[in-house]
PDB file of N, CA and C in Angstrom:
ATOM      1  N   UNK A   1      -5.303 -16.379  29.293  1.00  0.00           N
ATOM      2  CA  UNK A   1      -4.158 -15.489  29.334  1.00  0.00           C
ATOM      3  C   UNK A   1      -4.633 -14.079  28.964  1.00  0.00           C
ATOM      4  N   UNK A   2      -4.221 -13.080  29.738  1.00  0.00           N
ATOM      5  CA  UNK A   2      -4.637 -11.709  29.483  1.00  0.00           C
ATOM      6  C   UNK A   2      -3.908 -11.141  28.268  1.00  0.00           C
ATOM      7  N   UNK A   3      -4.440 -10.060  27.723  1.00  0.00           N
ATOM      8  CA  UNK A   3      -3.801  -9.392  26.586  1.00  0.00           C
ATOM      9  C   UNK A   3      -2.397  -8.931  26.959  1.00  0.00           C
ATOM     10  N   UNK A   4      -2.223  -8.441  28.176  1.00  0.00           N
ATOM     11  CA  UNK A   4      -0.897  -8.007  28.627  1.00  0.00           C
ATOM     12  C   UNK A   4       0.090  -9.159  28.612  1.00  0.00           C
ATOM     13  N   UNK A   5      -0.338 -10.314  29.095  1.00  0.00           N
ATOM     14  CA  UNK A   5       0.534 -11.490  29.108  1.00  0.00           C
ATOM     15  C   UNK A   5       0.840 -11.952  27.687  1.00  0.00           C
ATOM     16  N   UNK A   6      -0.151 -11.866  26.801  1.00  0.00           N
ATOM     17  CA  UNK A   6       0.049 -12.285  25.413  1.00  0.00           C
ATOM     18  C   UNK A   6       1.063 -11.391  24.706  1.00  0.00           C
ATOM     19  N   UNK A   7       0.936 -10.066  24.877  1.00  0.00           N
ATOM     20  CA  UNK A   7       1.852  -9.165  24.188  1.00  0.00           C
ATOM     21  C   UNK A   7       3.256  -9.273  24.776  1.00  0.00           C
ATOM     22  N   UNK A   8       3.360  -9.490  26.080  1.00  0.00           N
ATOM     23  CA  UNK A   8       4.676  -9.668  26.690  1.00  0.00           C
ATOM     24  C   UNK A   8       5.321 -10.960  26.199  1.00  0.00           C
ATOM     25  N   UNK A   9       4.554 -12.027  26.106  1.00  0.00           N
ATOM     26  CA  UNK A   9       5.065 -13.284  25.567  1.00  0.00           C
ATOM     27  C   UNK A   9       5.523 -13.126  24.133  1.00  0.00           C
ATOM     28  N   UNK A  10       4.735 -12.395  23.333  1.00  0.00           N
ATOM     29  CA  UNK A  10       5.123 -12.150  21.944  1.00  0.00           C
ATOM     30  C   UNK A  10       6.427 -11.357  21.882  1.00  0.00           C
ATOM     31  N   UNK A  11       6.552 -10.304  22.718  1.00  0.00           N
ATOM     32  CA  UNK A  11       7.760  -9.480  22.714  1.00  0.00           C
ATOM     33  C   UNK A  11       8.982 -10.301  23.119  1.00  0.00           C
ATOM     34  N   UNK A  12       8.824 -11.164  24.098  1.00  0.00           N
ATOM     35  CA  UNK A  12       9.934 -12.038  24.506  1.00  0.00           C
ATOM     36  C   UNK A  12      10.361 -12.940  23.348  1.00  0.00           C
ATOM     37  N   UNK A  13       9.394 -13.474  22.622  1.00  0.00           N
ATOM     38  CA  UNK A  13       9.704 -14.330  21.476  1.00  0.00           C
ATOM     39  C   UNK A  13      10.371 -13.535  20.365  1.00  0.00           C
ATOM     40  N   UNK A  14       9.871 -12.317  20.095  1.00  0.00           N
ATOM     41  CA  UNK A  14      10.473 -11.478  19.065  1.00  0.00           C
ATOM     42  C   UNK A  14      11.930 -11.191  19.424  1.00  0.00           C
ATOM     43  N   UNK A  15      12.166 -10.797  20.668  1.00  0.00           N
ATOM     44  CA  UNK A  15      13.528 -10.501  21.115  1.00  0.00           C
ATOM     45  C   UNK A  15      14.426 -11.732  20.957  1.00  0.00           C
ATOM     46  N   UNK A  16      13.958 -12.871  21.425  1.00  0.00           N
ATOM     47  CA  UNK A  16      14.754 -14.101  21.343  1.00  0.00           C
ATOM     48  C   UNK A  16      15.076 -14.444  19.886  1.00  0.00           C
ATOM     49  N   UNK A  17      14.146 -14.177  18.974  1.00  0.00           N
ATOM     50  CA  UNK A  17      14.382 -14.504  17.563  1.00  0.00           C
ATOM     51  C   UNK A  17      15.424 -13.585  16.933  1.00  0.00           C
ATOM     52  N   UNK A  18      15.663 -12.422  17.506  1.00  0.00           N
ATOM     53  CA  UNK A  18      16.684 -11.507  16.994  1.00  0.00           C
ATOM     54  C   UNK A  18      18.081 -11.881  17.503  1.00  0.00           C
ATOM     55  N   UNK A  19      18.133 -12.541  18.653  1.00  0.00           N
ATOM     56  CA  UNK A  19      19.417 -12.878  19.271  1.00  0.00           C
ATOM     57  C   UNK A  19      20.119 -13.964  18.465  1.00  0.00           C
ATOM     58  N   UNK A  20      21.233 -13.581  17.860  1.00  0.00           N
ATOM     59  CA  UNK A  20      21.966 -14.509  17.001  1.00  0.00           C
ATOM     60  C   UNK A  20      23.434 -14.628  17.394  1.00  0.00           C
ATOM     61  N   UNK A  21      23.757 -14.162  18.579  1.00  0.00           N
ATOM     62  CA  UNK A  21      25.142 -14.181  19.015  1.00  0.00           C
ATOM     63  C   UNK A  21      25.832 -12.848  18.797  1.00  0.00           C
ATOM     64  N   UNK A  22      25.280 -12.017  17.923  1.00  0.00           N
ATOM     65  CA  UNK A  22      25.851 -10.694  17.652  1.00  0.00           C
ATOM     66  C   UNK A  22      24.872  -9.568  17.979  1.00  0.00           C
ATOM     67  N   UNK A  23      23.622  -9.691  17.466  1.00  0.00           N
ATOM     68  CA  UNK A  23      22.638  -8.614  17.574  1.00  0.00           C
ATOM     69  C   UNK A  23      22.474  -8.145  19.017  1.00  0.00           C
ATOM     70  N   UNK A  24      22.337  -9.079  19.939  1.00  0.00           N
ATOM     71  CA  UNK A  24      22.053  -8.716  21.330  1.00  0.00           C
ATOM     72  C   UNK A  24      23.215  -8.005  22.015  1.00  0.00           C
ATOM     73  N   UNK A  25      24.420  -8.088  21.443  1.00  0.00           N
ATOM     74  CA  UNK A  25      25.565  -7.387  22.032  1.00  0.00           C
ATOM     75  C   UNK A  25      25.578  -5.912  21.651  1.00  0.00           C
ATOM     76  N   UNK A  26      24.945  -5.593  20.534  1.00  0.00           N
ATOM     77  CA  UNK A  26      24.953  -4.225  20.043  1.00  0.00           C
ATOM     78  C   UNK A  26      23.583  -3.552  20.137  1.00  0.00           C
ATOM     79  N   UNK A  27      22.513  -4.322  20.041  1.00  0.00           N
ATOM     80  CA  UNK A  27      21.160  -3.788  19.954  1.00  0.00           C
ATOM     81  C   UNK A  27      20.298  -4.398  21.057  1.00  0.00           C
ATOM     82  N   UNK A  28      19.028  -4.033  21.089  1.00  0.00           N
ATOM     83  CA  UNK A  28      18.125  -4.587  22.096  1.00  0.00           C
ATOM     84  C   UNK A  28      16.900  -3.714  22.265  1.00  0.00           C
ATOM     85  N   UNK A  29      16.372  -3.715  23.474  1.00  0.00           N
ATOM     86  CA  UNK A  29      15.242  -2.844  23.766  1.00  0.00           C
ATOM     87  C   UNK A  29      15.347  -2.347  25.191  1.00  0.00           C
ATOM     88  N   UNK A  30      14.742  -1.191  25.423  1.00  0.00           N
ATOM     89  CA  UNK A  30      14.765  -0.562  26.740  1.00  0.00           C
ATOM     90  C   UNK A  30      13.353  -0.137  27.105  1.00  0.00           C
ATOM     91  N   UNK A  31      12.973  -0.433  28.317  1.00  0.00           N
ATOM     92  CA  UNK A  31      11.703   0.038  28.866  1.00  0.00           C
ATOM     93  C   UNK A  31      12.051   0.812  30.122  1.00  0.00           C
ATOM     94  N   UNK A  32      11.707   2.098  30.130  1.00  0.00           N
ATOM     95  CA  UNK A  32      12.035   2.968  31.254  1.00  0.00           C
ATOM     96  C   UNK A  32      10.795   3.749  31.684  1.00  0.00           C
ATOM     97  N   UNK A  33      10.873   4.322  32.852  1.00  0.00           N
ATOM     98  CA  UNK A  33       9.780   5.156  33.323  1.00  0.00           C
ATOM     99  C   UNK A  33      10.029   6.619  32.959  1.00  0.00           C
ATOM    100  N   UNK A  34       8.923   7.352  32.830  1.00  0.00           N
ATOM    101  CA  UNK A  34       8.953   8.797  32.609  1.00  0.00           C
ATOM    102  C   UNK A  34       8.493   9.477  33.884  1.00  0.00           C
ATOM    103  N   UNK A  35       8.845  10.724  34.048  1.00  0.00           N
ATOM    104  CA  UNK A  35       8.474  11.426  35.282  1.00  0.00           C
ATOM    105  C   UNK A  35       7.170  12.203  35.175  1.00  0.00           C
ATOM    106  N   UNK A  36       6.376  11.959  34.129  1.00  0.00           N
ATOM    107  CA  UNK A  36       5.163  12.767  33.983  1.00  0.00           C
ATOM    108  C   UNK A  36       3.838  12.089  34.343  1.00  0.00           C
ATOM    109  N   UNK A  37       3.574  11.000  34.883  1.00  0.00           N
ATOM    110  CA  UNK A  37       4.331   9.743  34.849  1.00  0.00           C
ATOM    111  C   UNK A  37       4.018   8.978  33.569  1.00  0.00           C
ATOM    112  N   UNK A  38       4.772   7.942  33.313  1.00  0.00           N
ATOM    113  CA  UNK A  38       4.531   7.126  32.131  1.00  0.00           C
ATOM    114  C   UNK A  38       5.697   6.211  31.836  1.00  0.00           C
ATOM    115  N   UNK A  39       5.704   5.715  30.613  1.00  0.00           N
ATOM    116  CA  UNK A  39       6.707   4.757  30.160  1.00  0.00           C
ATOM    117  C   UNK A  39       7.355   5.254  28.876  1.00  0.00           C
ATOM    118  N   UNK A  40       8.596   4.865  28.675  1.00  0.00           N
ATOM    119  CA  UNK A  40       9.322   5.097  27.436  1.00  0.00           C
ATOM    120  C   UNK A  40       9.864   3.747  26.974  1.00  0.00           C
ATOM    121  N   UNK A  41       9.650   3.426  25.701  1.00  0.00           N
ATOM    122  CA  UNK A  41      10.131   2.162  25.143  1.00  0.00           C
ATOM    123  C   UNK A  41      10.952   2.474  23.895  1.00  0.00           C
ATOM    124  N   UNK A  42      12.123   1.873  23.794  1.00  0.00           N
ATOM    125  CA  UNK A  42      12.972   1.982  22.619  1.00  0.00           C
ATOM    126  C   UNK A  42      13.311   0.570  22.175  1.00  0.00           C
ATOM    127  N   UNK A  43      12.944   0.237  20.945  1.00  0.00           N
ATOM    128  CA  UNK A  43      13.217  -1.095  20.399  1.00  0.00           C
ATOM    129  C   UNK A  43      14.106  -0.917  19.177  1.00  0.00           C
ATOM    130  N   UNK A  44      15.357  -1.362  19.295  1.00  0.00           N
ATOM    131  CA  UNK A  44      16.288  -1.269  18.178  1.00  0.00           C
ATOM    132  C   UNK A  44      15.838  -2.187  17.046  1.00  0.00           C
ATOM    133  N   UNK A  45      15.834  -1.644  15.840  1.00  0.00           N
ATOM    134  CA  UNK A  45      15.442  -2.415  14.666  1.00  0.00           C
ATOM    135  C   UNK A  45      16.630  -2.707  13.757  1.00  0.00           C
ATOM    136  N   UNK A  46      17.771  -2.131  14.078  1.00  0.00           N
ATOM    137  CA  UNK A  46      18.981  -2.346  13.277  1.00  0.00           C
ATOM    138  C   UNK A  46      19.241  -3.844  13.131  1.00  0.00           C
ATOM    139  N   UNK A  47      19.553  -4.245  11.912  1.00  0.00           N
ATOM    140  CA  UNK A  47      19.849  -5.640  11.583  1.00  0.00           C
ATOM    141  C   UNK A  47      18.673  -6.595  11.832  1.00  0.00           C
ATOM    142  N   UNK A  48      17.444  -6.049  11.754  1.00  0.00           N
ATOM    143  CA  UNK A  48      16.242  -6.884  11.793  1.00  0.00           C
ATOM    144  C   UNK A  48      15.493  -6.673  10.482  1.00  0.00           C
ATOM    145  N   UNK A  49      14.509  -7.499  10.223  1.00  0.00           N
ATOM    146  CA  UNK A  49      13.691  -7.337   9.020  1.00  0.00           C
ATOM    147  C   UNK A  49      12.877  -6.047   9.038  1.00  0.00           C
ATOM    148  N   UNK A  50      12.785  -5.414  10.198  1.00  0.00           N
ATOM    149  CA  UNK A  50      11.979  -4.202  10.338  1.00  0.00           C
ATOM    150  C   UNK A  50      12.794  -2.926  10.179  1.00  0.00           C
ATOM    151  N   UNK A  51      14.095  -3.036   9.990  1.00  0.00           N
ATOM    152  CA  UNK A  51      14.994  -1.880  10.020  1.00  0.00           C
ATOM    153  C   UNK A  51      14.594  -0.766   9.058  1.00  0.00           C
ATOM    154  N   UNK A  52      14.088  -1.098   7.898  1.00  0.00           N
ATOM    155  CA  UNK A  52      13.781  -0.074   6.904  1.00  0.00           C
ATOM    156  C   UNK A  52      12.298   0.268   6.807  1.00  0.00           C
ATOM    157  N   UNK A  53      11.501  -0.279   7.718  1.00  0.00           N
ATOM    158  CA  UNK A  53      10.064   0.039   7.712  1.00  0.00           C
ATOM    159  C   UNK A  53       9.804   1.302   8.511  1.00  0.00           C
ATOM    160  N   UNK A  54       8.780   2.025   8.104  1.00  0.00           N
ATOM    161  CA  UNK A  54       8.434   3.262   8.794  1.00  0.00           C
ATOM    162  C   UNK A  54       7.104   3.101   9.536  1.00  0.00           C
ATOM    163  N   UNK A  55       7.045   3.671  10.716  1.00  0.00           N
ATOM    164  CA  UNK A  55       5.798   3.792  11.471  1.00  0.00           C
ATOM    165  C   UNK A  55       5.606   5.288  11.681  1.00  0.00           C
ATOM    166  N   UNK A  56       4.692   5.905  10.934  1.00  0.00           N
ATOM    167  CA  UNK A  56       4.491   7.347  11.078  1.00  0.00           C
ATOM    168  C   UNK A  56       4.061   7.696  12.500  1.00  0.00           C
ATOM    169  N   UNK A  57       4.501   8.841  12.963  1.00  0.00           N
ATOM    170  CA  UNK A  57       4.186   9.277  14.336  1.00  0.00           C
ATOM    171  C   UNK A  57       2.678   9.226  14.567  1.00  0.00           C
ATOM    172  N   UNK A  58       2.301   8.580  15.641  1.00  0.00           N
ATOM    173  CA  UNK A  58       0.888   8.434  16.014  1.00  0.00           C
ATOM    174  C   UNK A  58       0.744   8.873  17.467  1.00  0.00           C
ATOM    175  N   UNK A  59      -0.303   9.619  17.743  1.00  0.00           N
ATOM    176  CA  UNK A  59      -0.581  10.027  19.126  1.00  0.00           C
ATOM    177  C   UNK A  59      -2.051   9.763  19.418  1.00  0.00           C
ATOM    178  N   UNK A  60      -2.286   9.039  20.496  1.00  0.00           N
ATOM    179  CA  UNK A  60      -3.636   8.763  20.985  1.00  0.00           C
ATOM    180  C   UNK A  60      -3.721   9.396  22.368  1.00  0.00           C
ATOM    181  N   UNK A  61      -4.636  10.330  22.551  1.00  0.00           N
ATOM    182  CA  UNK A  61      -4.786  10.992  23.847  1.00  0.00           C
ATOM    183  C   UNK A  61      -6.230  10.858  24.303  1.00  0.00           C
ATOM    184  N   UNK A  62      -6.416  10.202  25.436  1.00  0.00           N
ATOM    185  CA  UNK A  62      -7.747  10.048  26.017  1.00  0.00           C
ATOM    186  C   UNK A  62      -7.869  10.783  27.345  1.00  0.00           C
ATOM    187  N   UNK A  63      -6.768  11.191  27.920  1.00  0.00           N
ATOM    188  CA  UNK A  63      -6.766  11.885  29.194  1.00  0.00           C
ATOM    189  C   UNK A  63      -5.347  12.205  29.612  1.00  0.00           C
ATOM    190  N   UNK A  64      -5.214  12.897  30.734  1.00  0.00           N
ATOM    191  CA  UNK A  64      -3.908  13.331  31.217  1.00  0.00           C
ATOM    192  C   UNK A  64      -2.932  12.171  31.415  1.00  0.00           C
ATOM    193  N   UNK A  65      -3.418  11.051  31.916  1.00  0.00           N
ATOM    194  CA  UNK A  65      -2.564   9.889  32.168  1.00  0.00           C
ATOM    195  C   UNK A  65      -2.940   8.697  31.289  1.00  0.00           C
ATOM    196  N   UNK A  66      -3.709   8.941  30.236  1.00  0.00           N
ATOM    197  CA  UNK A  66      -4.181   7.876  29.345  1.00  0.00           C
ATOM    198  C   UNK A  66      -3.850   8.269  27.906  1.00  0.00           C
ATOM    199  N   UNK A  67      -2.620   7.953  27.491  1.00  0.00           N
ATOM    200  CA  UNK A  67      -2.143   8.378  26.184  1.00  0.00           C
ATOM    201  C   UNK A  67      -1.019   7.463  25.699  1.00  0.00           C
ATOM    202  N   UNK A  68      -0.830   7.472  24.366  1.00  0.00           N
ATOM    203  CA  UNK A  68       0.232   6.691  23.742  1.00  0.00           C
ATOM    204  C   UNK A  68       0.753   7.461  22.527  1.00  0.00           C
ATOM    205  N   UNK A  69       2.065   7.542  22.388  1.00  0.00           N
ATOM    206  CA  UNK A  69       2.707   8.060  21.188  1.00  0.00           C
ATOM    207  C   UNK A  69       3.659   6.986  20.686  1.00  0.00           C
ATOM    208  N   UNK A  70       3.695   6.790  19.359  1.00  0.00           N
ATOM    209  CA  UNK A  70       4.598   5.799  18.783  1.00  0.00           C
ATOM    210  C   UNK A  70       5.098   6.305  17.438  1.00  0.00           C
ATOM    211  N   UNK A  71       6.347   5.954  17.101  1.00  0.00           N
ATOM    212  CA  UNK A  71       6.952   6.358  15.841  1.00  0.00           C
ATOM    213  C   UNK A  71       8.256   5.590  15.636  1.00  0.00           C
ATOM    214  N   UNK A  72       8.752   5.616  14.406  1.00  0.00           N
ATOM    215  CA  UNK A  72      10.080   5.080  14.136  1.00  0.00           C
ATOM    216  C   UNK A  72      10.985   6.230  13.724  1.00  0.00           C
ATOM    217  N   UNK A  73      12.229   6.106  14.100  1.00  0.00           N
ATOM    218  CA  UNK A  73      13.282   7.013  13.634  1.00  0.00           C
ATOM    219  C   UNK A  73      14.622   6.343  13.896  1.00  0.00           C
ATOM    220  N   UNK A  74      15.562   6.591  13.002  1.00  0.00           N
ATOM    221  CA  UNK A  74      16.916   6.077  13.143  1.00  0.00           C
ATOM    222  C   UNK A  74      16.950   4.585  13.437  1.00  0.00           C
ATOM    223  N   UNK A  75      16.155   3.833  12.679  1.00  0.00           N
ATOM    224  CA  UNK A  75      16.088   2.371  12.781  1.00  0.00           C
ATOM    225  C   UNK A  75      15.749   1.892  14.197  1.00  0.00           C
ATOM    226  N   UNK A  76      14.780   2.588  14.792  1.00  0.00           N
ATOM    227  CA  UNK A  76      14.278   2.198  16.112  1.00  0.00           C
ATOM    228  C   UNK A  76      12.782   2.510  16.180  1.00  0.00           C
ATOM    229  N   UNK A  77      12.063   1.699  16.954  1.00  0.00           N
ATOM    230  CA  UNK A  77      10.645   1.931  17.232  1.00  0.00           C
ATOM    231  C   UNK A  77      10.586   2.586  18.603  1.00  0.00           C
ATOM    232  N   UNK A  78       9.942   3.731  18.686  1.00  0.00           N
ATOM    233  CA  UNK A  78       9.852   4.497  19.928  1.00  0.00           C
ATOM    234  C   UNK A  78       8.411   4.539  20.409  1.00  0.00           C
ATOM    235  N   UNK A  79       8.236   4.444  21.708  1.00  0.00           N
ATOM    236  CA  UNK A  79       6.922   4.596  22.318  1.00  0.00           C
ATOM    237  C   UNK A  79       7.082   5.408  23.593  1.00  0.00           C
ATOM    238  N   UNK A  80       6.152   6.317  23.812  1.00  0.00           N
ATOM    239  CA  UNK A  80       5.996   6.986  25.090  1.00  0.00           C
ATOM    240  C   UNK A  80       4.522   6.860  25.422  1.00  0.00           C
ATOM    241  N   UNK A  81       4.207   6.584  26.687  1.00  0.00           N
ATOM    242  CA  UNK A  81       2.799   6.360  27.020  1.00  0.00           C
ATOM    243  C   UNK A  81       2.538   6.643  28.493  1.00  0.00           C
ATOM    244  N   UNK A  82       1.255   6.711  28.818  1.00  0.00           N
ATOM    245  CA  UNK A  82       0.830   6.934  30.189  1.00  0.00           C
ATOM    246  C   UNK A  82       1.159   5.742  31.082  1.00  0.00           C
ATOM    247  N   UNK A  83       0.998   5.898  32.381  1.00  0.00           N
ATOM    248  CA  UNK A  83       1.417   4.876  33.340  1.00  0.00           C
ATOM    249  C   UNK A  83       0.670   3.548  33.231  1.00  0.00           C
ATOM    250  N   UNK A  84      -0.516   3.537  32.659  1.00  0.00           N
ATOM    251  CA  UNK A  84      -1.284   2.295  32.516  1.00  0.00           C
ATOM    252  C   UNK A  84      -1.451   1.874  31.057  1.00  0.00           C
ATOM    253  N   UNK A  85      -0.588   2.404  30.169  1.00  0.00           N
ATOM    254  CA  UNK A  85      -0.729   2.141  28.738  1.00  0.00           C
ATOM    255  C   UNK A  85       0.422   1.320  28.154  1.00  0.00           C
ATOM    256  N   UNK A  86       1.244   0.721  28.988  1.00  0.00           N
ATOM    257  CA  UNK A  86       2.398  -0.014  28.474  1.00  0.00           C
ATOM    258  C   UNK A  86       1.978  -1.186  27.588  1.00  0.00           C
ATOM    259  N   UNK A  87       1.001  -1.978  28.008  1.00  0.00           N
ATOM    260  CA  UNK A  87       0.553  -3.112  27.183  1.00  0.00           C
ATOM    261  C   UNK A  87      -0.009  -2.621  25.855  1.00  0.00           C
ATOM    262  N   UNK A  88      -0.766  -1.536  25.874  1.00  0.00           N
ATOM    263  CA  UNK A  88      -1.301  -0.962  24.640  1.00  0.00           C
ATOM    264  C   UNK A  88      -0.165  -0.523  23.716  1.00  0.00           C
ATOM    265  N   UNK A  89       0.857   0.108  24.286  1.00  0.00           N
ATOM    266  CA  UNK A  89       2.000   0.563  23.507  1.00  0.00           C
ATOM    267  C   UNK A  89       2.747  -0.605  22.876  1.00  0.00           C
ATOM    268  N   UNK A  90       2.984  -1.655  23.644  1.00  0.00           N
ATOM    269  CA  UNK A  90       3.677  -2.835  23.115  1.00  0.00           C
ATOM    270  C   UNK A  90       2.826  -3.537  22.061  1.00  0.00           C
ATOM    271  N   UNK A  91       1.516  -3.459  22.204  1.00  0.00           N
ATOM    272  CA  UNK A  91       0.615  -4.040  21.205  1.00  0.00           C
ATOM    273  C   UNK A  91       0.741  -3.297  19.872  1.00  0.00           C
ATOM    274  N   UNK A  92       0.936  -1.982  19.913  1.00  0.00           N
ATOM    275  CA  UNK A  92       1.150  -1.232  18.676  1.00  0.00           C
ATOM    276  C   UNK A  92       2.380  -1.766  17.953  1.00  0.00           C
ATOM    277  N   UNK A  93       3.468  -2.023  18.704  1.00  0.00           N
ATOM    278  CA  UNK A  93       4.672  -2.574  18.084  1.00  0.00           C
ATOM    279  C   UNK A  93       4.401  -3.974  17.531  1.00  0.00           C
ATOM    280  N   UNK A  94       3.751  -4.811  18.321  1.00  0.00           N
ATOM    281  CA  UNK A  94       3.458  -6.179  17.864  1.00  0.00           C
ATOM    282  C   UNK A  94       2.642  -6.172  16.574  1.00  0.00           C
ATOM    283  N   UNK A  95       1.594  -5.361  16.537  1.00  0.00           N
ATOM    284  CA  UNK A  95       0.731  -5.319  15.363  1.00  0.00           C
ATOM    285  C   UNK A  95       1.490  -4.821  14.143  1.00  0.00           C
ATOM    286  N   UNK A  96       2.308  -3.788  14.317  1.00  0.00           N
ATOM    287  CA  UNK A  96       3.096  -3.240  13.219  1.00  0.00           C
ATOM    288  C   UNK A  96       4.135  -4.256  12.744  1.00  0.00           C
ATOM    289  N   UNK A  97       4.842  -4.872  13.664  1.00  0.00           N
ATOM    290  CA  UNK A  97       5.878  -5.843  13.309  1.00  0.00           C
ATOM    291  C   UNK A  97       5.254  -7.075  12.642  1.00  0.00           C
ATOM    292  N   UNK A  98       4.096  -7.468  13.095  1.00  0.00           N
ATOM    293  CA  UNK A  98       3.429  -8.655  12.542  1.00  0.00           C
ATOM    294  C   UNK A  98       2.958  -8.434  11.111  1.00  0.00           C
ATOM    295  N   UNK A  99       2.675  -7.198  10.742  1.00  0.00           N
ATOM    296  CA  UNK A  99       2.266  -6.883   9.368  1.00  0.00           C
ATOM    297  C   UNK A  99       3.327  -7.273   8.353  1.00  0.00           C
ATOM    298  N   UNK A 100       4.591  -7.328   8.814  1.00  0.00           N
ATOM    299  CA  UNK A 100       5.676  -7.647   7.887  1.00  0.00           C
ATOM    300  C   UNK A 100       5.987  -9.131   7.855  1.00  0.00           C
ATOM    301  N   UNK A 101       5.232  -9.914   8.611  1.00  0.00           N
ATOM    302  CA  UNK A 101       5.468 -11.352   8.623  1.00  0.00           C
ATOM    303  C   UNK A 101       6.424 -11.798   9.713  1.00  0.00           C
ATOM    304  N   UNK A 102       6.747 -10.894  10.647  1.00  0.00           N
ATOM    305  CA  UNK A 102       7.654 -11.235  11.749  1.00  0.00           C
ATOM    306  C   UNK A 102       7.047 -12.267  12.649  1.00  0.00           C
TER     307      UNK A 102
END
């Protein structure tokens, strides 16, 4: 199984573990495209064990289309990244969330 498949499987499991009949009606996650080009990810942390944890703003830049930014604000994990960095971006969330025992 590739790293991309592993992180996607982990994210699906994390999402499913948050769904309790209420959380998914109000919160969730969004993966959208950017026009520069790239990806934007918003993962709601409200009413999760991660809600009060902080991820200081991080920026990794290797090239014009090879970059990742991640941070938390307003009880959400945010990622913006280049067009081929989505798996790397989701891995940052997985690694951070896993540190708390999620």
